[in-house]
Amino acid sequence: MADLRAARSAGRKFAMLTCYDFTTARLMQESGVPGLLVGDSAASVILGHANTLPAKLGFMIELTAAVRRGAPLAMVWADMPFGSYQRSTAQGVRNVCRMVQLSGADAVKIESAATQIPLVKRLADAGVAVVAHLGLRPQFIGRLGEYKTQGRSATDAMKVVELSQRFAEAGAAAILLEAVPPEVSAAVVAEVDVPVIGCGAGPACHGHVFVTHDALRLTARKPRFVPDLGDLSAPAKEAFERYVRLITDRAYPAAEHEYEMPTDERALFVGHKRTSGGV
């Protein structure tokens, strides 16, 4: 988080990507990605659910711990899943502390409404770095009915800015803005003294994040704000098809894929099979 604050002060843009496993985290760290978000989007891109609501706390802890092991030098944020902090401040403090202790996350992200301000203040007082997620909040899908841009009217835009201010004042370590017009994110950046990370929120943000699978064409539909970083789906499918051909053509396994017995042990084994009536 200190590196993120330093980037904000120096005017450097900060790159983040979502990550859900050890191997990808290792590759991202080796590629120089400084920040990884273990998003509850894993419920969709890893488990195949229609939205993020089915993600469980234990599941998110395991994923975050794996990412932490894969990228020990990166900044790792953990999403607090639906139902893990909304019931009460006491529940939120308990579960956030569990997440931090068991996963090694540098910060936790919560999809924030005004009712979570006391939770953020309590956690900040305890030394926990909390990221307030505002704008489009996928955990609100039951009320929204669909994922859509937030802050498009002047009234709604002011609500986003004012709520960002309140969370920053309560001790939020950063703000994440999702799917808001660039005018809104620019206003938030001007009004708060903490880093602002955008997820489809325009160029004024201090850094940016999105679902990695979308940018690599591993999902069925790419949101308009996600850049095209390459196509991993096509070469993956080609590799899987090549494997099927190797099997059906009896080209695999070949001699180079087999383990050999020592000659004397093989002779003993063959002799044993013959004396015991084996085939």
C-alpha atoms as a PDB file:
ATOM      1  CA  MET A   1       0.000   0.000   0.000  1.00  0.00           C
ATOM      2  CA  ALA A   2       2.931   2.332   0.621  1.00  0.00           C
ATOM      3  CA  ASP A   3       4.064   1.731  -2.980  1.00  0.00           C
ATOM      4  CA  LEU A   4       0.566   2.567  -4.218  1.00  0.00           C
ATOM      5  CA  ARG A   5       0.512   5.790  -2.218  1.00  0.00           C
ATOM      6  CA  ALA A   6       3.984   6.660  -3.527  1.00  0.00           C
ATOM      7  CA  ALA A   7       2.811   6.057  -7.108  1.00  0.00           C
ATOM      8  CA  ARG A   8      -0.138   8.380  -6.511  1.00  0.00           C
ATOM      9  CA  SER A   9       2.115  11.109  -5.108  1.00  0.00           C
ATOM     10  CA  ALA A  10       4.577  10.789  -7.984  1.00  0.00           C
ATOM     11  CA  GLY A  11       1.892  10.702 -10.657  1.00  0.00           C
ATOM     12  CA  ARG A  12       2.773   7.173 -11.786  1.00  0.00           C
ATOM     13  CA  LYS A  13      -0.077   4.976 -12.947  1.00  0.00           C
ATOM     14  CA  PHE A  14      -0.466   1.681 -11.085  1.00  0.00           C
ATOM     15  CA  ALA A  15      -1.323  -1.567 -12.887  1.00  0.00           C
ATOM     16  CA  MET A  16      -3.483  -4.231 -11.259  1.00  0.00           C
ATOM     17  CA  LEU A  17      -5.040  -7.435 -12.569  1.00  0.00           C
ATOM     18  CA  THR A  18      -7.363  -9.985 -11.070  1.00  0.00           C
ATOM     19  CA  CYS A  19      -5.708 -13.256 -10.102  1.00  0.00           C
ATOM     20  CA  TYR A  20      -7.044 -16.450  -8.550  1.00  0.00           C
ATOM     21  CA  ASP A  21      -4.224 -19.027  -8.386  1.00  0.00           C
ATOM     22  CA  PHE A  22      -0.581 -19.624  -7.491  1.00  0.00           C
ATOM     23  CA  THR A  23       0.740 -20.268 -10.997  1.00  0.00           C
ATOM     24  CA  THR A  24      -0.801 -17.186 -12.593  1.00  0.00           C
ATOM     25  CA  ALA A  25       0.294 -15.052  -9.634  1.00  0.00           C
ATOM     26  CA  ARG A  26       3.885 -16.212 -10.135  1.00  0.00           C
ATOM     27  CA  LEU A  27       3.764 -15.368 -13.832  1.00  0.00           C
ATOM     28  CA  MET A  28       2.228 -11.957 -13.153  1.00  0.00           C
ATOM     29  CA  GLN A  29       4.865 -11.074 -10.580  1.00  0.00           C
ATOM     30  CA  GLU A  30       7.626 -12.179 -12.959  1.00  0.00           C
ATOM     31  CA  SER A  31       6.026  -9.947 -15.618  1.00  0.00           C
ATOM     32  CA  GLY A  32       6.165  -6.916 -13.350  1.00  0.00           C
ATOM     33  CA  VAL A  33       2.481  -6.590 -12.436  1.00  0.00           C
ATOM     34  CA  PRO A  34       2.675  -4.771  -9.079  1.00  0.00           C
ATOM     35  CA  GLY A  35      -0.883  -5.308  -7.820  1.00  0.00           C
ATOM     36  CA  LEU A  36      -3.172  -8.347  -7.815  1.00  0.00           C
ATOM     37  CA  LEU A  37      -6.851  -8.394  -6.870  1.00  0.00           C
ATOM     38  CA  VAL A  38      -8.296 -11.723  -5.797  1.00  0.00           C
ATOM     39  CA  GLY A  39     -11.813 -10.831  -6.871  1.00  0.00           C
ATOM     40  CA  ASP A  40     -15.034 -12.585  -6.026  1.00  0.00           C
ATOM     41  CA  SER A  41     -15.381 -12.631  -9.813  1.00  0.00           C
ATOM     42  CA  ALA A  42     -13.777 -16.044  -9.275  1.00  0.00           C
ATOM     43  CA  ALA A  43     -17.321 -17.259  -8.647  1.00  0.00           C
ATOM     44  CA  SER A  44     -17.990 -16.640 -12.339  1.00  0.00           C
ATOM     45  CA  VAL A  45     -14.695 -17.186 -14.172  1.00  0.00           C
ATOM     46  CA  ILE A  46     -13.473 -20.091 -12.013  1.00  0.00           C
ATOM     47  CA  LEU A  47     -16.668 -21.762 -10.755  1.00  0.00           C
ATOM     48  CA  GLY A  48     -19.010 -20.863 -13.608  1.00  0.00           C
ATOM     49  CA  HIS A  49     -21.741 -19.090 -11.632  1.00  0.00           C
ATOM     50  CA  ALA A  50     -23.885 -16.402 -13.258  1.00  0.00           C
ATOM     51  CA  ASN A  51     -22.768 -13.770 -10.731  1.00  0.00           C
ATOM     52  CA  THR A  52     -20.427 -13.262  -7.769  1.00  0.00           C
ATOM     53  CA  LEU A  53     -22.903 -14.022  -4.980  1.00  0.00           C
ATOM     54  CA  PRO A  54     -22.067 -17.745  -4.510  1.00  0.00           C
ATOM     55  CA  ALA A  55     -18.429 -17.063  -3.526  1.00  0.00           C
ATOM     56  CA  LYS A  56     -17.836 -18.195   0.077  1.00  0.00           C
ATOM     57  CA  LEU A  57     -15.416 -16.710   2.583  1.00  0.00           C
ATOM     58  CA  GLY A  58     -13.394 -19.914   2.939  1.00  0.00           C
ATOM     59  CA  PHE A  59     -13.071 -20.146  -0.834  1.00  0.00           C
ATOM     60  CA  MET A  60     -11.820 -16.571  -1.098  1.00  0.00           C
ATOM     61  CA  ILE A  61      -9.322 -17.137   1.718  1.00  0.00           C
ATOM     62  CA  GLU A  62      -7.872 -20.192  -0.038  1.00  0.00           C
ATOM     63  CA  LEU A  63      -7.557 -18.357  -3.355  1.00  0.00           C
ATOM     64  CA  THR A  64      -5.955 -15.306  -1.753  1.00  0.00           C
ATOM     65  CA  ALA A  65      -3.451 -17.435   0.164  1.00  0.00           C
ATOM     66  CA  ALA A  66      -2.497 -19.183  -3.098  1.00  0.00           C
ATOM     67  CA  VAL A  67      -1.983 -15.851  -4.866  1.00  0.00           C
ATOM     68  CA  ARG A  68       0.059 -14.575  -1.925  1.00  0.00           C
ATOM     69  CA  ARG A  69       2.362 -17.602  -2.156  1.00  0.00           C
ATOM     70  CA  GLY A  70       2.729 -17.143  -5.899  1.00  0.00           C
ATOM     71  CA  ALA A  71       3.453 -13.415  -5.716  1.00  0.00           C
ATOM     72  CA  PRO A  72       5.072 -12.620  -2.366  1.00  0.00           C
ATOM     73  CA  LEU A  73       6.388  -9.274  -3.651  1.00  0.00           C
ATOM     74  CA  ALA A  74       3.145  -7.976  -5.175  1.00  0.00           C
ATOM     75  CA  MET A  75       0.432  -5.972  -3.461  1.00  0.00           C
ATOM     76  CA  VAL A  76      -2.478  -8.391  -2.969  1.00  0.00           C
ATOM     77  CA  TRP A  77      -6.049  -7.281  -2.345  1.00  0.00           C
ATOM     78  CA  ALA A  78      -8.708  -9.746  -1.245  1.00  0.00           C
ATOM     79  CA  ASP A  79     -12.405  -9.379  -1.986  1.00  0.00           C
ATOM     80  CA  MET A  80     -14.737  -9.894   0.940  1.00  0.00           C
ATOM     81  CA  PRO A  81     -17.570 -11.998  -0.505  1.00  0.00           C
ATOM     82  CA  PHE A  82     -21.295 -11.407  -0.252  1.00  0.00           C
ATOM     83  CA  GLY A  83     -22.674 -12.125   3.212  1.00  0.00           C
ATOM     84  CA  SER A  84     -19.329 -11.956   4.994  1.00  0.00           C
ATOM     85  CA  TYR A  85     -19.604  -8.383   6.304  1.00  0.00           C
ATOM     86  CA  GLN A  86     -23.135  -7.048   5.751  1.00  0.00           C
ATOM     87  CA  ARG A  87     -24.825  -8.489   8.838  1.00  0.00           C
ATOM     88  CA  SER A  88     -23.087  -6.295  11.426  1.00  0.00           C
ATOM     89  CA  THR A  89     -19.887  -4.414  12.160  1.00  0.00           C
ATOM     90  CA  ALA A  90     -18.849  -7.184  14.553  1.00  0.00           C
ATOM     91  CA  GLN A  91     -19.330  -9.826  11.849  1.00  0.00           C
ATOM     92  CA  GLY A  92     -17.372  -7.734   9.362  1.00  0.00           C
ATOM     93  CA  VAL A  93     -14.453  -7.160  11.745  1.00  0.00           C
ATOM     94  CA  ARG A  94     -14.319 -10.854  12.618  1.00  0.00           C
ATOM     95  CA  ASN A  95     -14.331 -12.045   9.013  1.00  0.00           C
ATOM     96  CA  VAL A  96     -11.948  -9.395   7.708  1.00  0.00           C
ATOM     97  CA  CYS A  97      -9.445 -10.240  10.449  1.00  0.00           C
ATOM     98  CA  ARG A  98      -9.820 -13.916   9.557  1.00  0.00           C
ATOM     99  CA  MET A  99      -9.155 -13.119   5.902  1.00  0.00           C
ATOM    100  CA  VAL A 100      -6.029 -11.105   6.680  1.00  0.00           C
ATOM    101  CA  GLN A 101      -4.628 -13.623   9.155  1.00  0.00           C
ATOM    102  CA  LEU A 102      -5.184 -16.712   7.012  1.00  0.00           C
ATOM    103  CA  SER A 103      -4.456 -15.315   3.545  1.00  0.00           C
ATOM    104  CA  GLY A 104      -1.703 -12.744   4.034  1.00  0.00           C
ATOM    105  CA  ALA A 105      -3.601 -10.130   2.019  1.00  0.00           C
ATOM    106  CA  ASP A 106      -2.246  -6.587   2.134  1.00  0.00           C
ATOM    107  CA  ALA A 107      -5.739  -5.100   1.950  1.00  0.00           C
ATOM    108  CA  VAL A 108      -9.357  -6.168   1.774  1.00  0.00           C
ATOM    109  CA  LYS A 109     -11.998  -4.771  -0.559  1.00  0.00           C
ATOM    110  CA  ILE A 110     -15.654  -4.394   0.357  1.00  0.00           C
ATOM    111  CA  GLU A 111     -18.516  -3.330  -1.887  1.00  0.00           C
ATOM    112  CA  SER A 112     -19.516  -0.309   0.078  1.00  0.00           C
ATOM    113  CA  ALA A 113     -22.740   1.362   1.082  1.00  0.00           C
ATOM    114  CA  ALA A 114     -23.090   4.069   3.730  1.00  0.00           C
ATOM    115  CA  THR A 115     -23.911   1.398   6.294  1.00  0.00           C
ATOM    116  CA  GLN A 116     -20.337   0.063   5.986  1.00  0.00           C
ATOM    117  CA  ILE A 117     -18.733   3.353   7.081  1.00  0.00           C
ATOM    118  CA  PRO A 118     -18.597   2.272  10.762  1.00  0.00           C
ATOM    119  CA  LEU A 119     -16.984  -1.020   9.680  1.00  0.00           C
ATOM    120  CA  VAL A 120     -14.302   0.788   7.665  1.00  0.00           C
ATOM    121  CA  LYS A 121     -13.581   3.125  10.566  1.00  0.00           C
ATOM    122  CA  ARG A 122     -13.338   0.226  13.017  1.00  0.00           C
ATOM    123  CA  LEU A 123     -10.994  -1.715  10.730  1.00  0.00           C
ATOM    124  CA  ALA A 124      -8.872   1.350   9.987  1.00  0.00           C
ATOM    125  CA  ASP A 125      -8.521   1.958  13.723  1.00  0.00           C
ATOM    126  CA  ALA A 126      -7.298  -1.639  14.006  1.00  0.00           C
ATOM    127  CA  GLY A 127      -4.690  -1.076  11.293  1.00  0.00           C
ATOM    128  CA  VAL A 128      -6.405  -2.929   8.441  1.00  0.00           C
ATOM    129  CA  ALA A 129      -6.140  -1.453   4.951  1.00  0.00           C
ATOM    130  CA  VAL A 130      -9.676  -1.384   3.520  1.00  0.00           C
ATOM    131  CA  VAL A 131     -10.563  -0.546  -0.079  1.00  0.00           C
ATOM    132  CA  ALA A 132     -14.060   0.902  -0.537  1.00  0.00           C
ATOM    133  CA  HIS A 133     -15.612  -0.346  -3.790  1.00  0.00           C
ATOM    134  CA  LEU A 134     -18.095   2.188  -5.195  1.00  0.00           C
ATOM    135  CA  GLY A 135     -19.935   2.780  -8.460  1.00  0.00           C
ATOM    136  CA  LEU A 136     -21.126  -0.498  -9.935  1.00  0.00           C
ATOM    137  CA  ARG A 137     -21.138  -3.074  -7.150  1.00  0.00           C
ATOM    138  CA  PRO A 138     -21.752  -6.588  -8.523  1.00  0.00           C
ATOM    139  CA  GLN A 139     -22.911  -7.906  -5.147  1.00  0.00           C
ATOM    140  CA  PHE A 140     -25.921  -5.575  -5.529  1.00  0.00           C
ATOM    141  CA  ILE A 141     -27.141  -7.496  -8.592  1.00  0.00           C
ATOM    142  CA  GLY A 142     -30.311  -8.540  -6.763  1.00  0.00           C
ATOM    143  CA  ARG A 143     -31.344  -4.894  -6.469  1.00  0.00           C
ATOM    144  CA  LEU A 144     -29.864  -3.656  -9.752  1.00  0.00           C
ATOM    145  CA  GLY A 145     -31.260  -6.460 -11.897  1.00  0.00           C
ATOM    146  CA  GLU A 146     -28.356  -6.060 -14.349  1.00  0.00           C
ATOM    147  CA  TYR A 147     -24.814  -4.745 -14.453  1.00  0.00           C
ATOM    148  CA  LYS A 148     -24.897  -1.180 -15.748  1.00  0.00           C
ATOM    149  CA  THR A 149     -22.985   2.087 -15.564  1.00  0.00           C
ATOM    150  CA  GLN A 150     -23.441   4.089 -12.372  1.00  0.00           C
ATOM    151  CA  GLY A 151     -23.265   7.850 -11.793  1.00  0.00           C
ATOM    152  CA  ARG A 152     -24.686   8.851 -15.163  1.00  0.00           C
ATOM    153  CA  SER A 153     -27.055  11.464 -13.744  1.00  0.00           C
ATOM    154  CA  ALA A 154     -25.769  14.513 -11.881  1.00  0.00           C
ATOM    155  CA  THR A 155     -27.549  13.353  -8.719  1.00  0.00           C
ATOM    156  CA  ASP A 156     -26.094   9.851  -8.850  1.00  0.00           C
ATOM    157  CA  ALA A 157     -22.660  11.213  -9.709  1.00  0.00           C
ATOM    158  CA  MET A 158     -22.697  13.443  -6.633  1.00  0.00           C
ATOM    159  CA  LYS A 159     -23.695  10.461  -4.499  1.00  0.00           C
ATOM    160  CA  VAL A 160     -20.629   8.551  -5.681  1.00  0.00           C
ATOM    161  CA  VAL A 161     -18.339  11.511  -4.992  1.00  0.00           C
ATOM    162  CA  GLU A 162     -19.839  12.209  -1.566  1.00  0.00           C
ATOM    163  CA  LEU A 163     -19.703   8.563  -0.545  1.00  0.00           C
ATOM    164  CA  SER A 164     -16.071   8.378  -1.662  1.00  0.00           C
ATOM    165  CA  GLN A 165     -15.307  11.365   0.555  1.00  0.00           C
ATOM    166  CA  ARG A 166     -17.045   9.792   3.531  1.00  0.00           C
ATOM    167  CA  PHE A 167     -15.148   6.522   3.162  1.00  0.00           C
ATOM    168  CA  ALA A 168     -11.822   8.323   2.782  1.00  0.00           C
ATOM    169  CA  GLU A 169     -12.591  10.322   5.919  1.00  0.00           C
ATOM    170  CA  ALA A 170     -13.514   7.097   7.740  1.00  0.00           C
ATOM    171  CA  GLY A 171     -10.053   5.688   7.017  1.00  0.00           C
ATOM    172  CA  ALA A 172     -10.365   3.767   3.754  1.00  0.00           C
ATOM    173  CA  ALA A 173      -6.886   3.116   2.369  1.00  0.00           C
ATOM    174  CA  ALA A 174      -8.080   3.386  -1.240  1.00  0.00           C
ATOM    175  CA  ILE A 175     -11.198   3.744  -3.367  1.00  0.00           C
ATOM    176  CA  LEU A 176     -12.115   1.418  -6.237  1.00  0.00           C
ATOM    177  CA  LEU A 177     -14.537   2.903  -8.766  1.00  0.00           C
ATOM    178  CA  GLU A 178     -16.267   0.553 -11.178  1.00  0.00           C
ATOM    179  CA  ALA A 179     -18.192   1.507 -14.322  1.00  0.00           C
ATOM    180  CA  VAL A 180     -18.612   5.247 -13.802  1.00  0.00           C
ATOM    181  CA  PRO A 181     -18.166   8.073 -16.342  1.00  0.00           C
ATOM    182  CA  PRO A 182     -14.710   9.714 -16.405  1.00  0.00           C
ATOM    183  CA  GLU A 183     -16.118  12.967 -15.032  1.00  0.00           C
ATOM    184  CA  VAL A 184     -17.136  11.132 -11.872  1.00  0.00           C
ATOM    185  CA  SER A 185     -13.767   9.486 -11.290  1.00  0.00           C
ATOM    186  CA  ALA A 186     -11.994  12.793 -11.965  1.00  0.00           C
ATOM    187  CA  ALA A 187     -14.158  14.455  -9.312  1.00  0.00           C
ATOM    188  CA  VAL A 188     -13.409  11.675  -6.819  1.00  0.00           C
ATOM    189  CA  VAL A 189      -9.669  11.924  -7.484  1.00  0.00           C
ATOM    190  CA  ALA A 190      -9.857  15.672  -6.861  1.00  0.00           C
ATOM    191  CA  GLU A 191     -11.802  15.303  -3.619  1.00  0.00           C
ATOM    192  CA  VAL A 192     -10.072  12.447  -1.766  1.00  0.00           C
ATOM    193  CA  ASP A 193      -6.517  12.084  -0.507  1.00  0.00           C
ATOM    194  CA  VAL A 194      -6.211   8.325  -1.061  1.00  0.00           C
ATOM    195  CA  PRO A 195      -5.395   6.330  -4.211  1.00  0.00           C
ATOM    196  CA  VAL A 196      -8.288   5.724  -6.585  1.00  0.00           C
ATOM    197  CA  ILE A 197      -8.252   2.575  -8.712  1.00  0.00           C
ATOM    198  CA  GLY A 198     -10.556   2.430 -11.701  1.00  0.00           C
ATOM    199  CA  CYS A 199     -12.358  -0.535 -13.188  1.00  0.00           C
ATOM    200  CA  GLY A 200     -13.871   1.008 -16.290  1.00  0.00           C
ATOM    201  CA  ALA A 201     -13.749   4.445 -14.698  1.00  0.00           C
ATOM    202  CA  GLY A 202     -11.689   6.672 -16.998  1.00  0.00           C
ATOM    203  CA  PRO A 203      -8.099   7.971 -17.154  1.00  0.00           C
ATOM    204  CA  ALA A 204      -8.058  10.175 -14.055  1.00  0.00           C
ATOM    205  CA  CYS A 205      -7.713   7.185 -11.706  1.00  0.00           C
ATOM    206  CA  HIS A 206      -4.309   6.510 -10.184  1.00  0.00           C
ATOM    207  CA  GLY A 207      -4.400   2.899 -11.351  1.00  0.00           C
ATOM    208  CA  HIS A 208      -6.590   0.420 -13.169  1.00  0.00           C
ATOM    209  CA  VAL A 209      -7.832  -3.155 -12.756  1.00  0.00           C
ATOM    210  CA  PHE A 210     -10.145  -5.501 -14.613  1.00  0.00           C
ATOM    211  CA  VAL A 211     -10.901  -9.220 -14.871  1.00  0.00           C
ATOM    212  CA  THR A 212      -7.857 -10.802 -16.479  1.00  0.00           C
ATOM    213  CA  HIS A 213      -9.890 -13.535 -18.155  1.00  0.00           C
ATOM    214  CA  ASP A 214     -11.843 -10.888 -20.088  1.00  0.00           C
ATOM    215  CA  ALA A 215      -8.665  -9.327 -21.490  1.00  0.00           C
ATOM    216  CA  LEU A 216      -7.305 -12.712 -22.616  1.00  0.00           C
ATOM    217  CA  ARG A 217     -10.511 -13.809 -24.406  1.00  0.00           C
ATOM    218  CA  LEU A 218     -11.148 -16.551 -21.895  1.00  0.00           C
ATOM    219  CA  THR A 219     -14.718 -15.403 -21.256  1.00  0.00           C
ATOM    220  CA  ALA A 220     -17.707 -15.291 -23.588  1.00  0.00           C
ATOM    221  CA  ARG A 221     -18.039 -11.497 -23.588  1.00  0.00           C
ATOM    222  CA  LYS A 222     -15.523  -8.706 -23.017  1.00  0.00           C
ATOM    223  CA  PRO A 223     -16.777  -5.487 -21.371  1.00  0.00           C
ATOM    224  CA  ARG A 224     -16.060  -2.370 -23.441  1.00  0.00           C
ATOM    225  CA  PHE A 225     -13.597  -0.939 -20.921  1.00  0.00           C
ATOM    226  CA  VAL A 226     -11.316  -4.009 -20.985  1.00  0.00           C
ATOM    227  CA  PRO A 227      -8.330  -3.871 -23.374  1.00  0.00           C
ATOM    228  CA  ASP A 228      -7.410  -6.800 -25.588  1.00  0.00           C
ATOM    229  CA  LEU A 229      -4.186  -8.218 -24.148  1.00  0.00           C
ATOM    230  CA  GLY A 230      -4.087 -11.266 -26.382  1.00  0.00           C
ATOM    231  CA  ASP A 231      -5.928 -14.490 -27.101  1.00  0.00           C
ATOM    232  CA  LEU A 232      -5.111 -17.414 -24.826  1.00  0.00           C
ATOM    233  CA  SER A 233      -8.229 -19.368 -25.704  1.00  0.00           C
ATOM    234  CA  ALA A 234      -7.232 -20.227 -29.296  1.00  0.00           C
ATOM    235  CA  PRO A 235      -3.761 -21.652 -28.529  1.00  0.00           C
ATOM    236  CA  ALA A 236      -5.164 -23.500 -25.508  1.00  0.00           C
ATOM    237  CA  LYS A 237      -7.852 -25.166 -27.630  1.00  0.00           C
ATOM    238  CA  GLU A 238      -5.258 -26.023 -30.289  1.00  0.00           C
ATOM    239  CA  ALA A 239      -3.094 -27.680 -27.635  1.00  0.00           C
ATOM    240  CA  PHE A 240      -6.024 -29.699 -26.281  1.00  0.00           C
ATOM    241  CA  GLU A 241      -7.000 -30.790 -29.809  1.00  0.00           C
ATOM    242  CA  ARG A 242      -3.394 -31.850 -30.465  1.00  0.00           C
ATOM    243  CA  TYR A 243      -3.463 -33.986 -27.325  1.00  0.00           C
ATOM    244  CA  VAL A 244      -6.667 -35.720 -28.435  1.00  0.00           C
ATOM    245  CA  ARG A 245      -5.022 -36.531 -31.777  1.00  0.00           C
ATOM    246  CA  LEU A 246      -1.944 -37.936 -30.025  1.00  0.00           C
ATOM    247  CA  ILE A 247      -4.170 -40.323 -28.092  1.00  0.00           C
ATOM    248  CA  THR A 248      -6.458 -41.369 -30.928  1.00  0.00           C
ATOM    249  CA  ASP A 249      -3.477 -41.835 -33.287  1.00  0.00           C
ATOM    250  CA  ARG A 250      -1.681 -43.936 -30.626  1.00  0.00           C
ATOM    251  CA  ALA A 251       1.298 -41.572 -30.801  1.00  0.00           C
ATOM    252  CA  TYR A 252       1.201 -41.096 -27.037  1.00  0.00           C
ATOM    253  CA  PRO A 253       2.601 -42.470 -24.874  1.00  0.00           C
ATOM    254  CA  ALA A 254       5.812 -43.223 -26.769  1.00  0.00           C
ATOM    255  CA  ALA A 255       9.037 -44.799 -25.536  1.00  0.00           C
ATOM    256  CA  GLU A 256      10.409 -41.474 -24.313  1.00  0.00           C
ATOM    257  CA  HIS A 257       7.427 -41.110 -21.968  1.00  0.00           C
ATOM    258  CA  GLU A 258       7.922 -44.466 -20.220  1.00  0.00           C
ATOM    259  CA  TYR A 259       9.810 -45.372 -17.030  1.00  0.00           C
ATOM    260  CA  GLU A 260      12.263 -48.268 -17.284  1.00  0.00           C
ATOM    261  CA  MET A 261      12.846 -51.084 -14.796  1.00  0.00           C
ATOM    262  CA  PRO A 262      16.476 -52.092 -14.162  1.00  0.00           C
ATOM    263  CA  THR A 263      17.354 -55.068 -16.358  1.00  0.00           C
ATOM    264  CA  ASP A 264      17.876 -57.507 -13.462  1.00  0.00           C
ATOM    265  CA  GLU A 265      14.628 -56.435 -11.779  1.00  0.00           C
ATOM    266  CA  ARG A 266      12.732 -56.826 -15.022  1.00  0.00           C
ATOM    267  CA  ALA A 267      14.124 -60.366 -15.436  1.00  0.00           C
ATOM    268  CA  LEU A 268      13.038 -61.260 -11.882  1.00  0.00           C
ATOM    269  CA  PHE A 269       9.590 -59.777 -12.485  1.00  0.00           C
ATOM    270  CA  VAL A 270       9.089 -61.630 -15.782  1.00  0.00           C
ATOM    271  CA  GLY A 271      10.309 -64.859 -14.208  1.00  0.00           C
ATOM    272  CA  HIS A 272       7.940 -64.416 -11.278  1.00  0.00           C
ATOM    273  CA  LYS A 273       5.001 -63.961 -13.605  1.00  0.00           C
ATOM    274  CA  ARG A 274       5.861 -67.160 -15.450  1.00  0.00           C
ATOM    275  CA  THR A 275       6.223 -69.333 -12.325  1.00  0.00           C
ATOM    276  CA  SER A 276       3.062 -67.914 -10.767  1.00  0.00           C
ATOM    277  CA  GLY A 277       1.010 -68.466 -13.894  1.00  0.00           C
ATOM    278  CA  GLY A 278       0.736 -64.754 -14.676  1.00  0.00           C
ATOM    279  CA  VAL A 279       0.036 -63.575 -18.162  1.00  0.00           C
END
